[in-house]
Amino acid sequence: MQNDEQSIRELVAEWQKAAAAGDLSKLLDLMAEDVVFYVVGQPPMRGREAFAAAFRAAVQQVRIESTATIEEIHVTGNFAHLVNHLTVTMTPLQGGPIIRRSGYTLTIMRPMDVGCYIAMPIC
């Protein structure tokens, strides 16, 4: 269980680093093909391609930085869930006001290989 929790913590750190670097390929490797993102006020973003399109559009306009404080990790059988307090800062590349969003997120994960987790849809 401890190794699973450490793998999940490493995934969160990799996600933040890849997002800040604009590394879409790395981000896509960290999520399941059928991933679903739920964002308040928006329809669900379903699948890697939907995420990729939104990310490509965003990084043309803003620099993205995030911090995540892990509140809890629970591993049960073939699934794990992670609760983060996430803060995302988007700095416009052409100037303008900085946009900050923060709040709690819930991520459901399943193992890909021994000790490696991948984000998956929330059912």
PDB file of N, CA and C in Angstrom:
ATOM      1  N   MET A   1       0.837  -1.204   0.000  1.00  0.00           N
ATOM      2  CA  MET A   1       0.000   0.000   0.000  1.00  0.00           C
ATOM      3  C   MET A   1       0.869   1.250   0.000  1.00  0.00           C
ATOM      4  N   GLN A   2       1.948   1.247   0.799  1.00  0.00           N
ATOM      5  CA  GLN A   2       2.817   2.416   0.861  1.00  0.00           C
ATOM      6  C   GLN A   2       3.425   2.720  -0.501  1.00  0.00           C
ATOM      7  N   ASN A   3       3.845   1.675  -1.245  1.00  0.00           N
ATOM      8  CA  ASN A   3       4.403   1.885  -2.579  1.00  0.00           C
ATOM      9  C   ASN A   3       3.367   2.463  -3.522  1.00  0.00           C
ATOM     10  N   ASP A   4       2.099   2.014  -3.410  1.00  0.00           N
ATOM     11  CA  ASP A   4       1.028   2.561  -4.233  1.00  0.00           C
ATOM     12  C   ASP A   4       0.844   4.048  -3.946  1.00  0.00           C
ATOM     13  N   GLU A   5       0.829   4.405  -2.685  1.00  0.00           N
ATOM     14  CA  GLU A   5       0.664   5.811  -2.323  1.00  0.00           C
ATOM     15  C   GLU A   5       1.819   6.650  -2.850  1.00  0.00           C
ATOM     16  N   GLN A   6       3.027   6.142  -2.761  1.00  0.00           N
ATOM     17  CA  GLN A   6       4.185   6.878  -3.273  1.00  0.00           C
ATOM     18  C   GLN A   6       4.096   7.038  -4.786  1.00  0.00           C
ATOM     19  N   SER A   7       3.654   6.003  -5.488  1.00  0.00           N
ATOM     20  CA  SER A   7       3.495   6.086  -6.945  1.00  0.00           C
ATOM     21  C   SER A   7       2.486   7.172  -7.317  1.00  0.00           C
ATOM     22  N   ILE A   8       1.427   7.273  -6.546  1.00  0.00           N
ATOM     23  CA  ILE A   8       0.408   8.290  -6.812  1.00  0.00           C
ATOM     24  C   ILE A   8       0.969   9.683  -6.544  1.00  0.00           C
ATOM     25  N   ARG A   9       1.710   9.831  -5.480  1.00  0.00           N
ATOM     26  CA  ARG A   9       2.349  11.134  -5.199  1.00  0.00           C
ATOM     27  C   ARG A   9       3.297  11.526  -6.334  1.00  0.00           C
ATOM     28  N   GLU A  10       4.026  10.556  -6.853  1.00  0.00           N
ATOM     29  CA  GLU A  10       4.936  10.825  -7.965  1.00  0.00           C
ATOM     30  C   GLU A  10       4.171  11.211  -9.221  1.00  0.00           C
ATOM     31  N   LEU A  11       3.021  10.577  -9.462  1.00  0.00           N
ATOM     32  CA  LEU A  11       2.195  10.922 -10.614  1.00  0.00           C
ATOM     33  C   LEU A  11       1.733  12.378 -10.520  1.00  0.00           C
ATOM     34  N   VAL A  12       1.318  12.813  -9.326  1.00  0.00           N
ATOM     35  CA  VAL A  12       0.881  14.200  -9.137  1.00  0.00           C
ATOM     36  C   VAL A  12       2.036  15.152  -9.438  1.00  0.00           C
ATOM     37  N   ALA A  13       3.224  14.839  -8.954  1.00  0.00           N
ATOM     38  CA  ALA A  13       4.392  15.695  -9.198  1.00  0.00           C
ATOM     39  C   ALA A  13       4.740  15.723 -10.689  1.00  0.00           C
ATOM     40  N   GLU A  14       4.672  14.561 -11.356  1.00  0.00           N
ATOM     41  CA  GLU A  14       4.942  14.505 -12.797  1.00  0.00           C
ATOM     42  C   GLU A  14       3.934  15.335 -13.574  1.00  0.00           C
ATOM     43  N   TRP A  15       2.662  15.258 -13.173  1.00  0.00           N
ATOM     44  CA  TRP A  15       1.595  16.020 -13.844  1.00  0.00           C
ATOM     45  C   TRP A  15       1.892  17.516 -13.761  1.00  0.00           C
ATOM     46  N   GLN A  16       2.210  17.996 -12.574  1.00  0.00           N
ATOM     47  CA  GLN A  16       2.477  19.425 -12.392  1.00  0.00           C
ATOM     48  C   GLN A  16       3.677  19.868 -13.223  1.00  0.00           C
ATOM     49  N   LYS A  17       4.726  19.067 -13.223  1.00  0.00           N
ATOM     50  CA  LYS A  17       5.933  19.408 -13.990  1.00  0.00           C
ATOM     51  C   LYS A  17       5.627  19.431 -15.487  1.00  0.00           C
ATOM     52  N   ALA A  18       4.904  18.432 -15.970  1.00  0.00           N
ATOM     53  CA  ALA A  18       4.583  18.363 -17.401  1.00  0.00           C
ATOM     54  C   ALA A  18       3.659  19.504 -17.822  1.00  0.00           C
ATOM     55  N   ALA A  19       2.689  19.834 -16.987  1.00  0.00           N
ATOM     56  CA  ALA A  19       1.776  20.940 -17.313  1.00  0.00           C
ATOM     57  C   ALA A  19       2.548  22.253 -17.400  1.00  0.00           C
ATOM     58  N   ALA A  20       3.446  22.491 -16.452  1.00  0.00           N
ATOM     59  CA  ALA A  20       4.229  23.730 -16.451  1.00  0.00           C
ATOM     60  C   ALA A  20       5.149  23.811 -17.668  1.00  0.00           C
ATOM     61  N   ALA A  21       5.641  22.657 -18.129  1.00  0.00           N
ATOM     62  CA  ALA A  21       6.536  22.621 -19.288  1.00  0.00           C
ATOM     63  C   ALA A  21       5.774  22.610 -20.610  1.00  0.00           C
ATOM     64  N   GLY A  22       4.443  22.495 -20.531  1.00  0.00           N
ATOM     65  CA  GLY A  22       3.653  22.411 -21.758  1.00  0.00           C
ATOM     66  C   GLY A  22       3.827  21.075 -22.461  1.00  0.00           C
ATOM     67  N   ASP A  23       4.216  20.038 -21.722  1.00  0.00           N
ATOM     68  CA  ASP A  23       4.526  18.722 -22.283  1.00  0.00           C
ATOM     69  C   ASP A  23       3.253  17.876 -22.407  1.00  0.00           C
ATOM     70  N   LEU A  24       2.514  18.113 -23.481  1.00  0.00           N
ATOM     71  CA  LEU A  24       1.252  17.418 -23.698  1.00  0.00           C
ATOM     72  C   LEU A  24       1.450  15.912 -23.808  1.00  0.00           C
ATOM     73  N   SER A  25       2.490  15.480 -24.472  1.00  0.00           N
ATOM     74  CA  SER A  25       2.749  14.052 -24.632  1.00  0.00           C
ATOM     75  C   SER A  25       2.857  13.358 -23.279  1.00  0.00           C
ATOM     76  N   LYS A  26       3.577  13.959 -22.364  1.00  0.00           N
ATOM     77  CA  LYS A  26       3.737  13.389 -21.022  1.00  0.00           C
ATOM     78  C   LYS A  26       2.401  13.369 -20.287  1.00  0.00           C
ATOM     79  N   LEU A  27       1.644  14.459 -20.391  1.00  0.00           N
ATOM     80  CA  LEU A  27       0.343  14.505 -19.731  1.00  0.00           C
ATOM     81  C   LEU A  27      -0.567  13.396 -20.245  1.00  0.00           C
ATOM     82  N   LEU A  28      -0.577  13.185 -21.550  1.00  0.00           N
ATOM     83  CA  LEU A  28      -1.430  12.144 -22.129  1.00  0.00           C
ATOM     84  C   LEU A  28      -1.011  10.757 -21.657  1.00  0.00           C
ATOM     85  N   ASP A  29       0.274  10.553 -21.443  1.00  0.00           N
ATOM     86  CA  ASP A  29       0.760   9.271 -20.922  1.00  0.00           C
ATOM     87  C   ASP A  29       0.270   9.005 -19.506  1.00  0.00           C
ATOM     88  N   LEU A  30      -0.082  10.041 -18.787  1.00  0.00           N
ATOM     89  CA  LEU A  30      -0.502   9.908 -17.390  1.00  0.00           C
ATOM     90  C   LEU A  30      -1.997   9.675 -17.228  1.00  0.00           C
ATOM     91  N   MET A  31      -2.733   9.591 -18.341  1.00  0.00           N
ATOM     92  CA  MET A  31      -4.184   9.407 -18.228  1.00  0.00           C
ATOM     93  C   MET A  31      -4.663   8.269 -19.117  1.00  0.00           C
ATOM     94  N   ALA A  32      -5.756   7.666 -18.697  1.00  0.00           N
ATOM     95  CA  ALA A  32      -6.371   6.599 -19.477  1.00  0.00           C
ATOM     96  C   ALA A  32      -7.000   7.185 -20.736  1.00  0.00           C
ATOM     97  N   GLU A  33      -7.118   6.359 -21.762  1.00  0.00           N
ATOM     98  CA  GLU A  33      -7.730   6.794 -23.019  1.00  0.00           C
ATOM     99  C   GLU A  33      -9.145   7.324 -22.786  1.00  0.00           C
ATOM    100  N   ASP A  34      -9.868   6.702 -21.862  1.00  0.00           N
ATOM    101  CA  ASP A  34     -11.263   7.075 -21.610  1.00  0.00           C
ATOM    102  C   ASP A  34     -11.438   7.999 -20.400  1.00  0.00           C
ATOM    103  N   VAL A  35     -10.405   8.776 -20.101  1.00  0.00           N
ATOM    104  CA  VAL A  35     -10.452   9.724 -18.985  1.00  0.00           C
ATOM    105  C   VAL A  35     -11.610  10.706 -19.166  1.00  0.00           C
ATOM    106  N   VAL A  36     -12.166  11.161 -18.047  1.00  0.00           N
ATOM    107  CA  VAL A  36     -13.215  12.178 -18.077  1.00  0.00           C
ATOM    108  C   VAL A  36     -12.846  13.250 -17.062  1.00  0.00           C
ATOM    109  N   PHE A  37     -12.858  14.517 -17.505  1.00  0.00           N
ATOM    110  CA  PHE A  37     -12.640  15.652 -16.617  1.00  0.00           C
ATOM    111  C   PHE A  37     -13.969  16.357 -16.416  1.00  0.00           C
ATOM    112  N   TYR A  38     -14.312  16.603 -15.160  1.00  0.00           N
ATOM    113  CA  TYR A  38     -15.522  17.350 -14.826  1.00  0.00           C
ATOM    114  C   TYR A  38     -15.094  18.716 -14.310  1.00  0.00           C
ATOM    115  N   VAL A  39     -15.552  19.760 -14.992  1.00  0.00           N
ATOM    116  CA  VAL A  39     -15.227  21.138 -14.621  1.00  0.00           C
ATOM    117  C   VAL A  39     -16.549  21.867 -14.412  1.00  0.00           C
ATOM    118  N   VAL A  40     -16.662  22.544 -13.296  1.00  0.00           N
ATOM    119  CA  VAL A  40     -17.890  23.265 -12.976  1.00  0.00           C
ATOM    120  C   VAL A  40     -18.257  24.205 -14.120  1.00  0.00           C
ATOM    121  N   GLY A  41     -19.521  24.164 -14.531  1.00  0.00           N
ATOM    122  CA  GLY A  41     -20.020  25.065 -15.564  1.00  0.00           C
ATOM    123  C   GLY A  41     -19.717  24.626 -16.981  1.00  0.00           C
ATOM    124  N   GLN A  42     -19.060  23.475 -17.150  1.00  0.00           N
ATOM    125  CA  GLN A  42     -18.690  22.979 -18.473  1.00  0.00           C
ATOM    126  C   GLN A  42     -19.214  21.559 -18.645  1.00  0.00           C
ATOM    127  N   PRO A  43     -19.486  21.143 -19.886  1.00  0.00           N
ATOM    128  CA  PRO A  43     -19.832  19.737 -20.086  1.00  0.00           C
ATOM    129  C   PRO A  43     -18.600  18.864 -19.819  1.00  0.00           C
ATOM    130  N   PRO A  44     -18.797  17.592 -19.508  1.00  0.00           N
ATOM    131  CA  PRO A  44     -17.639  16.720 -19.269  1.00  0.00           C
ATOM    132  C   PRO A  44     -16.696  16.713 -20.477  1.00  0.00           C
ATOM    133  N   MET A  45     -15.404  16.714 -20.189  1.00  0.00           N
ATOM    134  CA  MET A  45     -14.374  16.612 -21.217  1.00  0.00           C
ATOM    135  C   MET A  45     -13.992  15.133 -21.268  1.00  0.00           C
ATOM    136  N   ARG A  46     -14.418  14.444 -22.329  1.00  0.00           N
ATOM    137  CA  ARG A  46     -14.271  12.988 -22.398  1.00  0.00           C
ATOM    138  C   ARG A  46     -13.151  12.563 -23.348  1.00  0.00           C
ATOM    139  N   GLY A  47     -12.187  11.849 -22.806  1.00  0.00           N
ATOM    140  CA  GLY A  47     -11.123  11.255 -23.607  1.00  0.00           C
ATOM    141  C   GLY A  47      -9.873  12.112 -23.730  1.00  0.00           C
ATOM    142  N   ARG A  48      -8.792  11.435 -24.059  1.00  0.00           N
ATOM    143  CA  ARG A  48      -7.500  12.114 -24.215  1.00  0.00           C
ATOM    144  C   ARG A  48      -7.537  13.186 -25.283  1.00  0.00           C
ATOM    145  N   GLU A  49      -8.209  12.902 -26.396  1.00  0.00           N
ATOM    146  CA  GLU A  49      -8.212  13.874 -27.492  1.00  0.00           C
ATOM    147  C   GLU A  49      -8.907  15.169 -27.099  1.00  0.00           C
ATOM    148  N   ALA A  50      -9.983  15.077 -26.345  1.00  0.00           N
ATOM    149  CA  ALA A  50     -10.665  16.294 -25.884  1.00  0.00           C
ATOM    150  C   ALA A  50      -9.743  17.099 -24.973  1.00  0.00           C
ATOM    151  N   PHE A  51      -9.034  16.396 -24.075  1.00  0.00           N
ATOM    152  CA  PHE A  51      -8.080  17.077 -23.206  1.00  0.00           C
ATOM    153  C   PHE A  51      -6.976  17.712 -24.043  1.00  0.00           C
ATOM    154  N   ALA A  52      -6.446  16.960 -25.005  1.00  0.00           N
ATOM    155  CA  ALA A  52      -5.340  17.458 -25.838  1.00  0.00           C
ATOM    156  C   ALA A  52      -5.749  18.731 -26.575  1.00  0.00           C
ATOM    157  N   ALA A  53      -6.936  18.741 -27.146  1.00  0.00           N
ATOM    158  CA  ALA A  53      -7.403  19.922 -27.877  1.00  0.00           C
ATOM    159  C   ALA A  53      -7.508  21.128 -26.948  1.00  0.00           C
ATOM    160  N   ALA A  54      -8.065  20.922 -25.765  1.00  0.00           N
ATOM    161  CA  ALA A  54      -8.212  22.028 -24.812  1.00  0.00           C
ATOM    162  C   ALA A  54      -6.846  22.515 -24.330  1.00  0.00           C
ATOM    163  N   PHE A  55      -5.921  21.601 -24.069  1.00  0.00           N
ATOM    164  CA  PHE A  55      -4.589  21.976 -23.592  1.00  0.00           C
ATOM    165  C   PHE A  55      -3.825  22.740 -24.665  1.00  0.00           C
ATOM    166  N   ARG A  56      -3.885  22.244 -25.914  1.00  0.00           N
ATOM    167  CA  ARG A  56      -3.194  22.943 -27.016  1.00  0.00           C
ATOM    168  C   ARG A  56      -3.695  24.376 -27.149  1.00  0.00           C
ATOM    169  N   ALA A  57      -5.000  24.546 -27.065  1.00  0.00           N
ATOM    170  CA  ALA A  57      -5.579  25.888 -27.170  1.00  0.00           C
ATOM    171  C   ALA A  57      -5.125  26.761 -26.002  1.00  0.00           C
ATOM    172  N   ALA A  58      -5.098  26.191 -24.815  1.00  0.00           N
ATOM    173  CA  ALA A  58      -4.730  26.969 -23.624  1.00  0.00           C
ATOM    174  C   ALA A  58      -3.280  27.437 -23.677  1.00  0.00           C
ATOM    175  N   VAL A  59      -2.341  26.528 -24.020  1.00  0.00           N
ATOM    176  CA  VAL A  59      -0.929  26.908 -23.969  1.00  0.00           C
ATOM    177  C   VAL A  59      -0.525  27.873 -25.071  1.00  0.00           C
ATOM    178  N   GLN A  60      -1.394  28.085 -26.038  1.00  0.00           N
ATOM    179  CA  GLN A  60      -1.132  29.125 -27.028  1.00  0.00           C
ATOM    180  C   GLN A  60      -1.437  30.502 -26.455  1.00  0.00           C
ATOM    181  N   GLN A  61      -2.197  30.526 -25.370  1.00  0.00           N
ATOM    182  CA  GLN A  61      -2.628  31.791 -24.795  1.00  0.00           C
ATOM    183  C   GLN A  61      -2.045  32.088 -23.416  1.00  0.00           C
ATOM    184  N   VAL A  62      -1.771  31.027 -22.635  1.00  0.00           N
ATOM    185  CA  VAL A  62      -1.329  31.228 -21.251  1.00  0.00           C
ATOM    186  C   VAL A  62      -0.211  30.267 -20.878  1.00  0.00           C
ATOM    187  N   ARG A  63       0.554  30.666 -19.860  1.00  0.00           N
ATOM    188  CA  ARG A  63       1.517  29.769 -19.210  1.00  0.00           C
ATOM    189  C   ARG A  63       0.794  29.201 -18.003  1.00  0.00           C
ATOM    190  N   ILE A  64       0.839  27.899 -17.833  1.00  0.00           N
ATOM    191  CA  ILE A  64       0.089  27.225 -16.774  1.00  0.00           C
ATOM    192  C   ILE A  64       1.053  26.738 -15.695  1.00  0.00           C
ATOM    193  N   GLU A  65       0.738  27.086 -14.463  1.00  0.00           N
ATOM    194  CA  GLU A  65       1.476  26.579 -13.305  1.00  0.00           C
ATOM    195  C   GLU A  65       0.452  26.072 -12.310  1.00  0.00           C
ATOM    196  N   SER A  66       0.803  25.007 -11.601  1.00  0.00           N
ATOM    197  CA  SER A  66      -0.136  24.495 -10.617  1.00  0.00           C
ATOM    198  C   SER A  66       0.601  23.987  -9.394  1.00  0.00           C
ATOM    199  N   THR A  67      -0.108  23.993  -8.298  1.00  0.00           N
ATOM    200  CA  THR A  67       0.366  23.362  -7.071  1.00  0.00           C
ATOM    201  C   THR A  67      -0.766  22.494  -6.553  1.00  0.00           C
ATOM    202  N   ALA A  68      -0.396  21.364  -6.024  1.00  0.00           N
ATOM    203  CA  ALA A  68      -1.392  20.450  -5.484  1.00  0.00           C
ATOM    204  C   ALA A  68      -0.963  20.029  -4.090  1.00  0.00           C
ATOM    205  N   THR A  69      -1.881  20.157  -3.169  1.00  0.00           N
ATOM    206  CA  THR A  69      -1.662  19.656  -1.822  1.00  0.00           C
ATOM    207  C   THR A  69      -2.516  18.405  -1.679  1.00  0.00           C
ATOM    208  N   ILE A  70      -1.866  17.280  -1.530  1.00  0.00           N
ATOM    209  CA  ILE A  70      -2.594  16.021  -1.415  1.00  0.00           C
ATOM    210  C   ILE A  70      -3.239  15.961  -0.034  1.00  0.00           C
ATOM    211  N   GLU A  71      -4.552  15.820  -0.033  1.00  0.00           N
ATOM    212  CA  GLU A  71      -5.311  15.745   1.218  1.00  0.00           C
ATOM    213  C   GLU A  71      -5.500  14.298   1.671  1.00  0.00           C
ATOM    214  N   GLU A  72      -5.747  13.399   0.706  1.00  0.00           N
ATOM    215  CA  GLU A  72      -5.908  11.991   1.059  1.00  0.00           C
ATOM    216  C   GLU A  72      -5.688  11.109  -0.161  1.00  0.00           C
ATOM    217  N   ILE A  73      -5.202   9.921   0.114  1.00  0.00           N
ATOM    218  CA  ILE A  73      -5.043   8.875  -0.886  1.00  0.00           C
ATOM    219  C   ILE A  73      -5.574   7.592  -0.261  1.00  0.00           C
ATOM    220  N   HIS A  74      -6.447   6.907  -0.977  1.00  0.00           N
ATOM    221  CA  HIS A  74      -6.948   5.607  -0.526  1.00  0.00           C
ATOM    222  C   HIS A  74      -6.784   4.614  -1.661  1.00  0.00           C
ATOM    223  N   VAL A  75      -6.169   3.481  -1.366  1.00  0.00           N
ATOM    224  CA  VAL A  75      -5.983   2.416  -2.340  1.00  0.00           C
ATOM    225  C   VAL A  75      -6.799   1.223  -1.868  1.00  0.00           C
ATOM    226  N   THR A  76      -7.673   0.727  -2.745  1.00  0.00           N
ATOM    227  CA  THR A  76      -8.514  -0.425  -2.433  1.00  0.00           C
ATOM    228  C   THR A  76      -8.562  -1.328  -3.651  1.00  0.00           C
ATOM    229  N   GLY A  77      -8.028  -2.508  -3.539  1.00  0.00           N
ATOM    230  CA  GLY A  77      -8.060  -3.439  -4.657  1.00  0.00           C
ATOM    231  C   GLY A  77      -7.383  -2.848  -5.882  1.00  0.00           C
ATOM    232  N   ASN A  78      -8.117  -2.816  -7.005  1.00  0.00           N
ATOM    233  CA  ASN A  78      -7.575  -2.316  -8.274  1.00  0.00           C
ATOM    234  C   ASN A  78      -7.864  -0.850  -8.524  1.00  0.00           C
ATOM    235  N   PHE A  79      -8.281  -0.128  -7.496  1.00  0.00           N
ATOM    236  CA  PHE A  79      -8.599   1.285  -7.665  1.00  0.00           C
ATOM    237  C   PHE A  79      -7.991   2.101  -6.533  1.00  0.00           C
ATOM    238  N   ALA A  80      -7.804   3.369  -6.826  1.00  0.00           N
ATOM    239  CA  ALA A  80      -7.354   4.317  -5.812  1.00  0.00           C
ATOM    240  C   ALA A  80      -8.066   5.629  -6.062  1.00  0.00           C
ATOM    241  N   HIS A  81      -8.248   6.401  -4.995  1.00  0.00           N
ATOM    242  CA  HIS A  81      -8.737   7.756  -5.218  1.00  0.00           C
ATOM    243  C   HIS A  81      -7.823   8.725  -4.484  1.00  0.00           C
ATOM    244  N   LEU A  82      -7.781   9.911  -5.046  1.00  0.00           N
ATOM    245  CA  LEU A  82      -6.898  10.964  -4.576  1.00  0.00           C
ATOM    246  C   LEU A  82      -7.712  12.245  -4.435  1.00  0.00           C
ATOM    247  N   VAL A  83      -7.593  12.898  -3.292  1.00  0.00           N
ATOM    248  CA  VAL A  83      -8.205  14.213  -3.104  1.00  0.00           C
ATOM    249  C   VAL A  83      -7.071  15.216  -2.973  1.00  0.00           C
ATOM    250  N   ASN A  84      -7.099  16.235  -3.819  1.00  0.00           N
ATOM    251  CA  ASN A  84      -6.103  17.315  -3.847  1.00  0.00           C
ATOM    252  C   ASN A  84      -6.784  18.644  -3.569  1.00  0.00           C
ATOM    253  N   HIS A  85      -6.038  19.565  -3.007  1.00  0.00           N
ATOM    254  CA  HIS A  85      -6.427  20.960  -3.114  1.00  0.00           C
ATOM    255  C   HIS A  85      -5.501  21.529  -4.179  1.00  0.00           C
ATOM    256  N   LEU A  86      -6.098  21.918  -5.302  1.00  0.00           N
ATOM    257  CA  LEU A  86      -5.346  22.317  -6.485  1.00  0.00           C
ATOM    258  C   LEU A  86      -5.458  23.822  -6.687  1.00  0.00           C
ATOM    259  N   THR A  87      -4.338  24.449  -6.977  1.00  0.00           N
ATOM    260  CA  THR A  87      -4.316  25.850  -7.378  1.00  0.00           C
ATOM    261  C   THR A  87      -3.651  25.930  -8.748  1.00  0.00           C
ATOM    262  N   VAL A  88      -4.351  26.513  -9.707  1.00  0.00           N
ATOM    263  CA  VAL A  88      -3.839  26.665 -11.063  1.00  0.00           C
ATOM    264  C   VAL A  88      -3.722  28.153 -11.356  1.00  0.00           C
ATOM    265  N   THR A  89      -2.551  28.555 -11.834  1.00  0.00           N
ATOM    266  CA  THR A  89      -2.309  29.941 -12.219  1.00  0.00           C
ATOM    267  C   THR A  89      -2.055  29.977 -13.717  1.00  0.00           C
ATOM    268  N   MET A  90      -2.814  30.820 -14.412  1.00  0.00           N
ATOM    269  CA  MET A  90      -2.666  30.971 -15.862  1.00  0.00           C
ATOM    270  C   MET A  90      -2.239  32.405 -16.141  1.00  0.00           C
ATOM    271  N   THR A  91      -1.040  32.551 -16.678  1.00  0.00           N
ATOM    272  CA  THR A  91      -0.480  33.863 -16.977  1.00  0.00           C
ATOM    273  C   THR A  91      -0.556  34.086 -18.486  1.00  0.00           C
ATOM    274  N   PRO A  92      -1.315  35.098 -18.927  1.00  0.00           N
ATOM    275  CA  PRO A  92      -1.434  35.356 -20.371  1.00  0.00           C
ATOM    276  C   PRO A  92      -0.078  35.654 -20.996  1.00  0.00           C
ATOM    277  N   LEU A  93       0.195  35.032 -22.129  1.00  0.00           N
ATOM    278  CA  LEU A  93       1.475  35.218 -22.820  1.00  0.00           C
ATOM    279  C   LEU A  93       1.594  36.624 -23.406  1.00  0.00           C
ATOM    280  N   GLN A  94       0.468  37.233 -23.732  1.00  0.00           N
ATOM    281  CA  GLN A  94       0.475  38.564 -24.327  1.00  0.00           C
ATOM    282  C   GLN A  94       0.206  39.662 -23.305  1.00  0.00           C
ATOM    283  N   GLY A  95       0.291  39.337 -22.030  1.00  0.00           N
ATOM    284  CA  GLY A  95       0.009  40.310 -20.977  1.00  0.00           C
ATOM    285  C   GLY A  95      -1.460  40.276 -20.603  1.00  0.00           C
ATOM    286  N   GLY A  96      -1.780  40.944 -19.547  1.00  0.00           N
ATOM    287  CA  GLY A  96      -3.148  40.947 -19.065  1.00  0.00           C
ATOM    288  C   GLY A  96      -3.208  40.353 -17.672  1.00  0.00           C
ATOM    289  N   PRO A  97      -4.408  40.325 -17.109  1.00  0.00           N
ATOM    290  CA  PRO A  97      -4.536  39.842 -15.727  1.00  0.00           C
ATOM    291  C   PRO A  97      -4.254  38.336 -15.612  1.00  0.00           C
ATOM    292  N   ILE A  98      -3.592  37.993 -14.534  1.00  0.00           N
ATOM    293  CA  ILE A  98      -3.318  36.595 -14.210  1.00  0.00           C
ATOM    294  C   ILE A  98      -4.602  35.970 -13.672  1.00  0.00           C
ATOM    295  N   ILE A  99      -4.878  34.760 -14.096  1.00  0.00           N
ATOM    296  CA  ILE A  99      -6.078  34.047 -13.667  1.00  0.00           C
ATOM    297  C   ILE A  99      -5.657  32.937 -12.707  1.00  0.00           C
ATOM    298  N   ARG A 100      -6.298  32.899 -11.536  1.00  0.00           N
ATOM    299  CA  ARG A 100      -6.028  31.847 -10.554  1.00  0.00           C
ATOM    300  C   ARG A 100      -7.329  31.140 -10.220  1.00  0.00           C
ATOM    301  N   ARG A 101      -7.258  29.838 -10.179  1.00  0.00           N
ATOM    302  CA  ARG A 101      -8.397  29.018  -9.785  1.00  0.00           C
ATOM    303  C   ARG A 101      -7.895  28.040  -8.740  1.00  0.00           C
ATOM    304  N   SER A 102      -8.694  27.803  -7.726  1.00  0.00           N
ATOM    305  CA  SER A 102      -8.302  26.805  -6.739  1.00  0.00           C
ATOM    306  C   SER A 102      -9.534  26.113  -6.173  1.00  0.00           C
ATOM    307  N   GLY A 103      -9.317  24.910  -5.735  1.00  0.00           N
ATOM    308  CA  GLY A 103     -10.383  24.131  -5.134  1.00  0.00           C
ATOM    309  C   GLY A 103      -9.970  22.682  -5.016  1.00  0.00           C
ATOM    310  N   TYR A 104     -10.903  21.891  -4.551  1.00  0.00           N
ATOM    311  CA  TYR A 104     -10.634  20.474  -4.341  1.00  0.00           C
ATOM    312  C   TYR A 104     -10.946  19.673  -5.592  1.00  0.00           C
ATOM    313  N   THR A 105     -10.133  18.650  -5.838  1.00  0.00           N
ATOM    314  CA  THR A 105     -10.359  17.750  -6.959  1.00  0.00           C
ATOM    315  C   THR A 105     -10.386  16.318  -6.438  1.00  0.00           C
ATOM    316  N   LEU A 106     -11.112  15.479  -7.151  1.00  0.00           N
ATOM    317  CA  LEU A 106     -11.164  14.048  -6.861  1.00  0.00           C
ATOM    318  C   LEU A 106     -10.689  13.327  -8.114  1.00  0.00           C
ATOM    319  N   THR A 107      -9.696  12.468  -7.966  1.00  0.00           N
ATOM    320  CA  THR A 107      -9.193  11.683  -9.080  1.00  0.00           C
ATOM    321  C   THR A 107      -9.327  10.208  -8.726  1.00  0.00           C
ATOM    322  N   ILE A 108      -9.928   9.453  -9.629  1.00  0.00           N
ATOM    323  CA  ILE A 108     -10.025   8.011  -9.481  1.00  0.00           C
ATOM    324  C   ILE A 108      -8.956   7.408 -10.388  1.00  0.00           C
ATOM    325  N   MET A 109      -8.214   6.433  -9.873  1.00  0.00           N
ATOM    326  CA  MET A 109      -7.097   5.852 -10.608  1.00  0.00           C
ATOM    327  C   MET A 109      -7.178   4.345 -10.596  1.00  0.00           C
ATOM    328  N   ARG A 110      -6.512   3.743 -11.591  1.00  0.00           N
ATOM    329  CA  ARG A 110      -6.327   2.296 -11.607  1.00  0.00           C
ATOM    330  C   ARG A 110      -4.869   2.027 -11.961  1.00  0.00           C
ATOM    331  N   PRO A 111      -4.342   0.914 -11.501  1.00  0.00           N
ATOM    332  CA  PRO A 111      -2.937   0.624 -11.822  1.00  0.00           C
ATOM    333  C   PRO A 111      -2.775   0.252 -13.285  1.00  0.00           C
ATOM    334  N   MET A 112      -1.686   0.731 -13.900  1.00  0.00           N
ATOM    335  CA  MET A 112      -1.330   0.336 -15.275  1.00  0.00           C
ATOM    336  C   MET A 112      -0.426  -0.886 -15.214  1.00  0.00           C
ATOM    337  N   ASP A 113       0.613  -0.767 -14.443  1.00  0.00           N
ATOM    338  CA  ASP A 113       1.587  -1.838 -14.223  1.00  0.00           C
ATOM    339  C   ASP A 113       1.843  -1.864 -12.721  1.00  0.00           C
ATOM    340  N   VAL A 114       2.675  -2.735 -12.290  1.00  0.00           N
ATOM    341  CA  VAL A 114       3.004  -2.795 -10.865  1.00  0.00           C
ATOM    342  C   VAL A 114       3.568  -1.437 -10.430  1.00  0.00           C
ATOM    343  N   GLY A 115       2.910  -0.821  -9.465  1.00  0.00           N
ATOM    344  CA  GLY A 115       3.398   0.424  -8.907  1.00  0.00           C
ATOM    345  C   GLY A 115       3.174   1.651  -9.749  1.00  0.00           C
ATOM    346  N   CYS A 116       2.433   1.555 -10.833  1.00  0.00           N
ATOM    347  CA  CYS A 116       2.213   2.707 -11.706  1.00  0.00           C
ATOM    348  C   CYS A 116       0.721   2.932 -11.866  1.00  0.00           C
ATOM    349  N   TYR A 117       0.249   4.109 -11.566  1.00  0.00           N
ATOM    350  CA  TYR A 117      -1.170   4.422 -11.644  1.00  0.00           C
ATOM    351  C   TYR A 117      -1.466   5.337 -12.809  1.00  0.00           C
ATOM    352  N   ILE A 118      -2.722   5.302 -13.261  1.00  0.00           N
ATOM    353  CA  ILE A 118      -3.180   6.135 -14.366  1.00  0.00           C
ATOM    354  C   ILE A 118      -4.535   6.718 -14.009  1.00  0.00           C
ATOM    355  N   ALA A 119      -4.743   7.981 -14.347  1.00  0.00           N
ATOM    356  CA  ALA A 119      -6.040   8.611 -14.090  1.00  0.00           C
ATOM    357  C   ALA A 119      -7.082   7.980 -14.998  1.00  0.00           C
ATOM    358  N   MET A 120      -8.283   7.818 -14.487  1.00  0.00           N
ATOM    359  CA  MET A 120      -9.339   7.165 -15.249  1.00  0.00           C
ATOM    360  C   MET A 120     -10.660   7.896 -15.047  1.00  0.00           C
ATOM    361  N   PRO A 121     -11.698   7.480 -15.765  1.00  0.00           N
ATOM    362  CA  PRO A 121     -12.975   8.158 -15.610  1.00  0.00           C
ATOM    363  C   PRO A 121     -13.534   8.048 -14.205  1.00  0.00           C
ATOM    364  N   ILE A 122     -14.263   9.058 -13.815  1.00  0.00           N
ATOM    365  CA  ILE A 122     -15.027   8.987 -12.570  1.00  0.00           C
ATOM    366  C   ILE A 122     -16.400   8.467 -12.945  1.00  0.00           C
ATOM    367  N   CYS A 123     -16.776   7.329 -12.383  1.00  0.00           N
ATOM    368  CA  CYS A 123     -18.050   6.692 -12.742  1.00  0.00           C
ATOM    369  C   CYS A 123     -19.133   7.025 -11.737  1.00  0.00           C
TER     370      CYS A 123
END
